[in-house]
C-alpha atoms as a PDB file:
ATOM      1  CA  MET A   1     215.281 152.625 269.871  1.00  0.00           C
ATOM      2  CA  ILE A   2     212.917 155.648 269.900  1.00  0.00           C
ATOM      3  CA  GLU A   3     210.787 155.040 272.621  1.00  0.00           C
ATOM      4  CA  GLU A   4     214.046 154.926 274.810  1.00  0.00           C
ATOM      5  CA  ILE A   5     214.612 158.709 273.875  1.00  0.00           C
ATOM      6  CA  LEU A   6     211.530 160.061 274.148  1.00  0.00           C
ATOM      7  CA  SER A   7     208.807 161.603 276.358  1.00  0.00           C
ATOM      8  CA  VAL A   8     206.011 158.991 277.968  1.00  0.00           C
ATOM      9  CA  ASP A   9     202.773 160.914 276.161  1.00  0.00           C
ATOM     10  CA  VAL A  10     204.790 160.556 273.075  1.00  0.00           C
ATOM     11  CA  MET A  11     203.809 157.966 270.773  1.00  0.00           C
ATOM     12  CA  SER A  12     206.260 156.119 268.271  1.00  0.00           C
ATOM     13  CA  ALA A  13     206.992 153.184 265.983  1.00  0.00           C
ATOM     14  CA  GLU A  14     210.089 152.712 264.482  1.00  0.00           C
ATOM     15  CA  ALA A  15     211.028 149.900 261.089  1.00  0.00           C
ATOM     16  CA  PHE A  16     214.119 148.365 260.487  1.00  0.00           C
ATOM     17  CA  ASP A  17     212.771 147.295 256.708  1.00  0.00           C
ATOM     18  CA  ASP A  18     210.314 147.620 253.611  1.00  0.00           C
ATOM     19  CA  ASP A  19     207.238 146.193 253.834  1.00  0.00           C
ATOM     20  CA  ALA A  20     206.394 146.156 249.440  1.00  0.00           C
ATOM     21  CA  ASP A  21     202.841 145.293 250.827  1.00  0.00           C
ATOM     22  CA  ILE A  22     201.351 148.537 252.121  1.00  0.00           C
ATOM     23  CA  HIS A  23     198.007 149.847 251.824  1.00  0.00           C
ATOM     24  CA  LEU A  24     198.282 153.757 250.518  1.00  0.00           C
ATOM     25  CA  PHE A  25     194.822 156.009 250.947  1.00  0.00           C
ATOM     26  CA  ALA A  26     194.604 157.932 248.061  1.00  0.00           C
ATOM     27  CA  GLU A  27     195.863 160.660 248.295  1.00  0.00           C
ATOM     28  CA  GLU A  28     199.499 159.106 249.370  1.00  0.00           C
ATOM     29  CA  ARG A  29     199.271 156.766 246.742  1.00  0.00           C
ATOM     30  CA  ALA A  30     199.051 160.252 244.682  1.00  0.00           C
ATOM     31  CA  ALA A  31     201.665 161.806 246.086  1.00  0.00           C
ATOM     32  CA  VAL A  32     204.759 159.644 244.932  1.00  0.00           C
ATOM     33  CA  ALA A  33     202.989 158.711 242.135  1.00  0.00           C
ATOM     34  CA  ASP A  34     205.951 159.495 240.194  1.00  0.00           C
ATOM     35  CA  ALA A  35     208.465 158.953 242.680  1.00  0.00           C
ATOM     36  CA  VAL A  36     211.433 155.925 242.007  1.00  0.00           C
ATOM     37  CA  PRO A  37     210.325 152.860 243.973  1.00  0.00           C
ATOM     38  CA  ARG A  38     213.162 153.462 246.345  1.00  0.00           C
ATOM     39  CA  ARG A  39     210.894 156.529 248.099  1.00  0.00           C
ATOM     40  CA  ARG A  40     207.887 154.733 247.353  1.00  0.00           C
ATOM     41  CA  ARG A  41     208.655 151.740 249.952  1.00  0.00           C
ATOM     42  CA  GLU A  42     209.834 154.688 252.402  1.00  0.00           C
ATOM     43  CA  PHE A  43     207.234 156.968 251.963  1.00  0.00           C
ATOM     44  CA  SER A  44     204.559 153.890 252.731  1.00  0.00           C
ATOM     45  CA  THR A  45     206.736 152.302 255.808  1.00  0.00           C
ATOM     46  CA  VAL A  46     207.091 155.456 257.290  1.00  0.00           C
ATOM     47  CA  ARG A  47     203.548 155.905 256.951  1.00  0.00           C
ATOM     48  CA  ARG A  48     203.144 152.529 258.359  1.00  0.00           C
ATOM     49  CA  CYS A  49     205.388 153.429 261.531  1.00  0.00           C
ATOM     50  CA  ALA A  50     203.392 156.234 261.791  1.00  0.00           C
ATOM     51  CA  ARG A  51     199.371 154.827 261.883  1.00  0.00           C
ATOM     52  CA  SER A  52     201.037 152.034 264.425  1.00  0.00           C
ATOM     53  CA  ALA A  53     202.072 155.602 266.340  1.00  0.00           C
ATOM     54  CA  LEU A  54     198.683 156.638 266.008  1.00  0.00           C
ATOM     55  CA  GLY A  55     197.570 153.749 266.862  1.00  0.00           C
ATOM     56  CA  GLU A  56     198.549 154.167 270.535  1.00  0.00           C
ATOM     57  CA  LEU A  57     196.758 157.120 270.711  1.00  0.00           C
ATOM     58  CA  VAL A  58     193.362 155.362 269.511  1.00  0.00           C
ATOM     59  CA  ILE A  59     193.243 157.321 266.151  1.00  0.00           C
ATOM     60  CA  PRO A  60     191.625 155.204 263.697  1.00  0.00           C
ATOM     61  CA  PRO A  61     194.407 154.752 260.345  1.00  0.00           C
ATOM     62  CA  ALA A  62     193.693 158.041 258.365  1.00  0.00           C
ATOM     63  CA  PRO A  63     194.881 159.346 255.159  1.00  0.00           C
ATOM     64  CA  LEU A  64     198.624 161.168 256.113  1.00  0.00           C
ATOM     65  CA  PRO A  65     199.831 163.090 252.878  1.00  0.00           C
ATOM     66  CA  PRO A  66     202.366 165.045 252.691  1.00  0.00           C
ATOM     67  CA  GLY A  67     201.066 169.174 252.616  1.00  0.00           C
ATOM     68  CA  ARG A  68     202.843 171.653 250.227  1.00  0.00           C
ATOM     69  CA  HIS A  69     205.567 171.694 252.496  1.00  0.00           C
ATOM     70  CA  ARG A  70     206.248 167.849 252.658  1.00  0.00           C
ATOM     71  CA  ASP A  71     205.613 168.249 256.096  1.00  0.00           C
ATOM     72  CA  PRO A  72     202.846 165.589 257.435  1.00  0.00           C
ATOM     73  CA  GLN A  73     199.115 166.312 257.197  1.00  0.00           C
ATOM     74  CA  TRP A  74     198.326 165.307 260.545  1.00  0.00           C
ATOM     75  CA  PRO A  75     194.838 164.541 262.330  1.00  0.00           C
ATOM     76  CA  ALA A  76     193.779 167.803 263.797  1.00  0.00           C
ATOM     77  CA  GLU A  77     193.936 165.997 267.234  1.00  0.00           C
ATOM     78  CA  VAL A  78     197.167 165.312 267.259  1.00  0.00           C
ATOM     79  CA  VAL A  79     201.203 166.323 266.811  1.00  0.00           C
ATOM     80  CA  GLY A  80     204.006 164.222 265.356  1.00  0.00           C
ATOM     81  CA  SER A  81     206.473 164.097 263.194  1.00  0.00           C
ATOM     82  CA  MET A  82     208.806 161.227 260.368  1.00  0.00           C
ATOM     83  CA  THR A  83     211.776 160.570 259.854  1.00  0.00           C
ATOM     84  CA  HIS A  84     213.904 158.016 257.460  1.00  0.00           C
ATOM     85  CA  CYS A  85     217.114 157.179 256.754  1.00  0.00           C
ATOM     86  CA  SER A  86     219.264 154.492 255.501  1.00  0.00           C
ATOM     87  CA  GLY A  87     218.015 151.046 257.036  1.00  0.00           C
ATOM     88  CA  TYR A  88     215.637 153.449 259.486  1.00  0.00           C
ATOM     89  CA  ARG A  89     212.135 154.767 259.612  1.00  0.00           C
ATOM     90  CA  ALA A  90     210.281 155.947 262.422  1.00  0.00           C
ATOM     91  CA  ALA A  91     206.818 157.927 263.593  1.00  0.00           C
ATOM     92  CA  ALA A  92     206.517 159.513 266.712  1.00  0.00           C
ATOM     93  CA  VAL A  93     203.054 161.002 267.776  1.00  0.00           C
ATOM     94  CA  ALA A  94     201.202 163.183 270.950  1.00  0.00           C
ATOM     95  CA  GLY A  95     197.738 164.416 271.778  1.00  0.00           C
ATOM     96  CA  ALA A  96     197.472 168.168 270.305  1.00  0.00           C
ATOM     97  CA  SER A  97     196.259 168.947 273.548  1.00  0.00           C
ATOM     98  CA  ARG A  98     199.136 167.869 275.771  1.00  0.00           C
ATOM     99  CA  ARG A  99     202.097 168.659 272.952  1.00  0.00           C
ATOM    100  CA  ARG A 100     202.200 171.749 270.963  1.00  0.00           C
ATOM    101  CA  SER A 101     204.806 169.957 268.920  1.00  0.00           C
ATOM    102  CA  VAL A 102     207.074 167.459 268.217  1.00  0.00           C
ATOM    103  CA  GLY A 103     210.326 166.485 266.083  1.00  0.00           C
ATOM    104  CA  ILE A 104     212.381 163.527 265.313  1.00  0.00           C
ATOM    105  CA  ASP A 105     214.966 162.988 262.353  1.00  0.00           C
ATOM    106  CA  ALA A 106     217.314 160.210 262.270  1.00  0.00           C
ATOM    107  CA  GLU A 107     220.605 160.153 260.023  1.00  0.00           C
ATOM    108  CA  GLU A 108     223.101 157.102 258.504  1.00  0.00           C
ATOM    109  CA  SER A 109     226.471 157.234 261.124  1.00  0.00           C
ATOM    110  CA  ALA A 110     228.674 158.378 258.289  1.00  0.00           C
ATOM    111  CA  PRO A 111     230.577 161.777 257.892  1.00  0.00           C
ATOM    112  CA  LEU A 112     228.610 165.291 256.842  1.00  0.00           C
ATOM    113  CA  PRO A 113     229.330 165.972 253.335  1.00  0.00           C
ATOM    114  CA  GLU A 114     231.612 168.441 253.119  1.00  0.00           C
ATOM    115  CA  GLY A 115     230.984 172.092 253.486  1.00  0.00           C
ATOM    116  CA  LEU A 116     227.681 170.872 254.850  1.00  0.00           C
ATOM    117  CA  LEU A 117     227.973 171.828 258.490  1.00  0.00           C
ATOM    118  CA  ASP A 118     229.703 175.820 257.407  1.00  0.00           C
ATOM    119  CA  ARG A 119     226.882 176.538 255.409  1.00  0.00           C
ATOM    120  CA  GLY A 120     224.847 175.194 257.664  1.00  0.00           C
ATOM    121  CA  ALA A 121     225.725 175.512 261.707  1.00  0.00           C
ATOM    122  CA  LEU A 122     226.709 178.358 263.271  1.00  0.00           C
ATOM    123  CA  PRO A 123     229.782 179.374 264.455  1.00  0.00           C
ATOM    124  CA  ALA A 124     229.540 178.869 267.743  1.00  0.00           C
ATOM    125  CA  GLU A 125     228.105 175.081 266.252  1.00  0.00           C
ATOM    126  CA  ARG A 126     230.548 174.183 264.841  1.00  0.00           C
ATOM    127  CA  ASN A 127     233.349 175.342 267.348  1.00  0.00           C
ATOM    128  CA  LEU A 128     231.256 172.672 269.669  1.00  0.00           C
ATOM    129  CA  ALA A 129     231.401 170.155 267.642  1.00  0.00           C
ATOM    130  CA  GLU A 130     235.273 170.139 267.339  1.00  0.00           C
ATOM    131  CA  ARG A 131     235.251 170.886 271.324  1.00  0.00           C
ATOM    132  CA  LEU A 132     233.385 167.642 271.491  1.00  0.00           C
ATOM    133  CA  GLY A 133     235.454 165.640 268.442  1.00  0.00           C
ATOM    134  CA  ALA A 134     238.534 166.565 270.497  1.00  0.00           C
ATOM    135  CA  ARG A 135     237.032 164.906 273.671  1.00  0.00           C
ATOM    136  CA  SER A 136     235.679 161.880 271.963  1.00  0.00           C
ATOM    137  CA  ASP A 137     235.769 160.306 268.667  1.00  0.00           C
ATOM    138  CA  ALA A 138     232.573 158.065 269.341  1.00  0.00           C
ATOM    139  CA  VAL A 139     229.517 159.653 267.824  1.00  0.00           C
ATOM    140  CA  LEU A 140     230.153 162.001 264.686  1.00  0.00           C
ATOM    141  CA  TRP A 141     229.433 164.803 266.753  1.00  0.00           C
ATOM    142  CA  ASP A 142     228.777 167.139 263.460  1.00  0.00           C
ATOM    143  CA  ARG A 143     226.041 164.083 262.127  1.00  0.00           C
ATOM    144  CA  LEU A 144     224.734 164.716 265.777  1.00  0.00           C
ATOM    145  CA  LEU A 145     224.576 168.797 265.602  1.00  0.00           C
ATOM    146  CA  PHE A 146     223.268 168.782 261.928  1.00  0.00           C
ATOM    147  CA  SER A 147     220.353 165.392 262.755  1.00  0.00           C
ATOM    148  CA  CYS A 148     218.988 168.016 265.884  1.00  0.00           C
ATOM    149  CA  LYS A 149     218.876 170.685 264.045  1.00  0.00           C
ATOM    150  CA  GLU A 150     216.555 169.498 261.844  1.00  0.00           C
ATOM    151  CA  ALA A 151     214.814 167.892 264.463  1.00  0.00           C
ATOM    152  CA  VAL A 152     214.035 171.357 266.099  1.00  0.00           C
ATOM    153  CA  CYS A 153     212.939 172.217 262.650  1.00  0.00           C
ATOM    154  CA  LYS A 154     210.232 170.017 262.504  1.00  0.00           C
ATOM    155  CA  VAL A 155     208.647 171.509 266.029  1.00  0.00           C
ATOM    156  CA  TRP A 156     209.074 174.585 264.506  1.00  0.00           C
ATOM    157  CA  PHE A 157     207.242 174.572 261.213  1.00  0.00           C
ATOM    158  CA  PRO A 158     204.149 173.781 262.119  1.00  0.00           C
ATOM    159  CA  LEU A 159     203.589 176.239 264.594  1.00  0.00           C
ATOM    160  CA  THR A 160     205.205 179.274 262.126  1.00  0.00           C
ATOM    161  CA  GLN A 161     204.499 177.477 258.823  1.00  0.00           C
ATOM    162  CA  ARG A 162     208.404 179.453 258.528  1.00  0.00           C
ATOM    163  CA  ARG A 163     211.941 177.451 259.035  1.00  0.00           C
ATOM    164  CA  PRO A 164     213.694 178.807 261.519  1.00  0.00           C
ATOM    165  CA  GLY A 165     217.420 178.932 259.897  1.00  0.00           C
ATOM    166  CA  VAL A 166     220.774 178.860 259.884  1.00  0.00           C
ATOM    167  CA  GLY A 167     220.455 181.611 262.419  1.00  0.00           C
ATOM    168  CA  GLY A 168     217.400 181.353 264.138  1.00  0.00           C
ATOM    169  CA  ALA A 169     217.805 178.385 267.186  1.00  0.00           C
ATOM    170  CA  ARG A 170     221.542 177.439 268.763  1.00  0.00           C
ATOM    171  CA  ILE A 171     221.772 174.019 269.607  1.00  0.00           C
ATOM    172  CA  ASP A 172     223.670 173.047 272.237  1.00  0.00           C
ATOM    173  CA  ILE A 173     224.914 169.679 272.790  1.00  0.00           C
ATOM    174  CA  ASP A 174     226.430 168.445 276.053  1.00  0.00           C
ATOM    175  CA  SER A 175     228.629 165.281 275.893  1.00  0.00           C
ATOM    176  CA  GLY A 176     225.906 162.485 276.717  1.00  0.00           C
ATOM    177  CA  GLY A 177     224.384 163.114 274.086  1.00  0.00           C
ATOM    178  CA  PHE A 178     221.118 165.933 275.680  1.00  0.00           C
ATOM    179  CA  PHE A 179     220.321 168.726 273.622  1.00  0.00           C
ATOM    180  CA  SER A 180     218.329 171.852 273.707  1.00  0.00           C
ATOM    181  CA  ALA A 181     218.219 174.978 271.681  1.00  0.00           C
ATOM    182  CA  ARG A 182     217.317 178.622 271.910  1.00  0.00           C
ATOM    183  CA  PHE A 183     215.740 180.456 269.624  1.00  0.00           C
ATOM    184  CA  LEU A 184     217.364 183.877 268.789  1.00  0.00           C
ATOM    185  CA  ALA A 185     214.945 185.743 266.623  1.00  0.00           C
ATOM    186  CA  PRO A 186     211.484 186.272 268.007  1.00  0.00           C
ATOM    187  CA  PRO A 187     208.903 184.038 267.252  1.00  0.00           C
ATOM    188  CA  PRO A 188     206.215 184.270 264.928  1.00  0.00           C
ATOM    189  CA  ARG A 189     202.315 185.196 266.597  1.00  0.00           C
ATOM    190  CA  ALA A 190     201.153 181.837 265.510  1.00  0.00           C
ATOM    191  CA  ALA A 191     204.253 180.086 267.865  1.00  0.00           C
ATOM    192  CA  GLY A 192     202.789 182.390 270.519  1.00  0.00           C
ATOM    193  CA  ASN A 193     203.598 185.049 272.686  1.00  0.00           C
ATOM    194  CA  SER A 194     207.319 182.945 273.660  1.00  0.00           C
ATOM    195  CA  VAL A 195     208.604 179.875 272.969  1.00  0.00           C
ATOM    196  CA  PRO A 196     210.194 178.197 276.321  1.00  0.00           C
ATOM    197  CA  ARG A 197     213.795 176.244 275.578  1.00  0.00           C
ATOM    198  CA  LEU A 198     213.764 172.879 273.550  1.00  0.00           C
ATOM    199  CA  THR A 199     214.984 170.130 274.688  1.00  0.00           C
ATOM    200  CA  GLY A 200     215.688 166.968 273.404  1.00  0.00           C
ATOM    201  CA  ALA A 201     217.994 163.643 273.269  1.00  0.00           C
ATOM    202  CA  GLY A 202     219.853 160.817 271.128  1.00  0.00           C
ATOM    203  CA  CYS A 203     221.820 159.824 268.850  1.00  0.00           C
ATOM    204  CA  THR A 204     218.675 160.249 266.717  1.00  0.00           C
ATOM    205  CA  ALA A 205     217.976 164.041 267.365  1.00  0.00           C
ATOM    206  CA  ALA A 206     214.485 164.078 269.277  1.00  0.00           C
ATOM    207  CA  GLY A 207     212.737 167.269 270.308  1.00  0.00           C
ATOM    208  CA  SER A 208     209.137 167.588 271.715  1.00  0.00           C
ATOM    209  CA  PHE A 209     207.716 170.808 273.464  1.00  0.00           C
END
């Protein structure tokens, strides 16, 4: 499913259930040593997905521990992103010489908790979700908006070590599920002198540039 919405140079792998017998490196086992069983299973499965995707780039298996901000620590020659939700895990990677960052996010198809969109979206974004919802109820547009914002954050953070925040980027979504993000604040130096408009697609939001 996920490969249909990613660029051809971005490798991916996905899983719809967990396997209890997954090898983890010592650094990874330490990261979830005190976690509940469900967290350990999703952590393990999404790393199996990541190593499968890395194999498509001929990158040998390596530890992928979470960093200080829980962001995956990828080998130096790649950029990537992981995501998991109920019944789904996925990872996407690309060569660092071709892509500066990759971000994916998957969300269960369920209404957002009350008040989450009010706290996590700009007024224009909330209005957009309402307009799209008035046209079609085939998609949970508020959930898709939230997922797009998560994917954008996963692109932005590795470049800057900062999260864009609610007002850092504005998401636009069309009726086909394609989205774009326009950053509203000047990028930190780590992101370069300018940041192009970020685009993505899918009922599972994905973005890269």
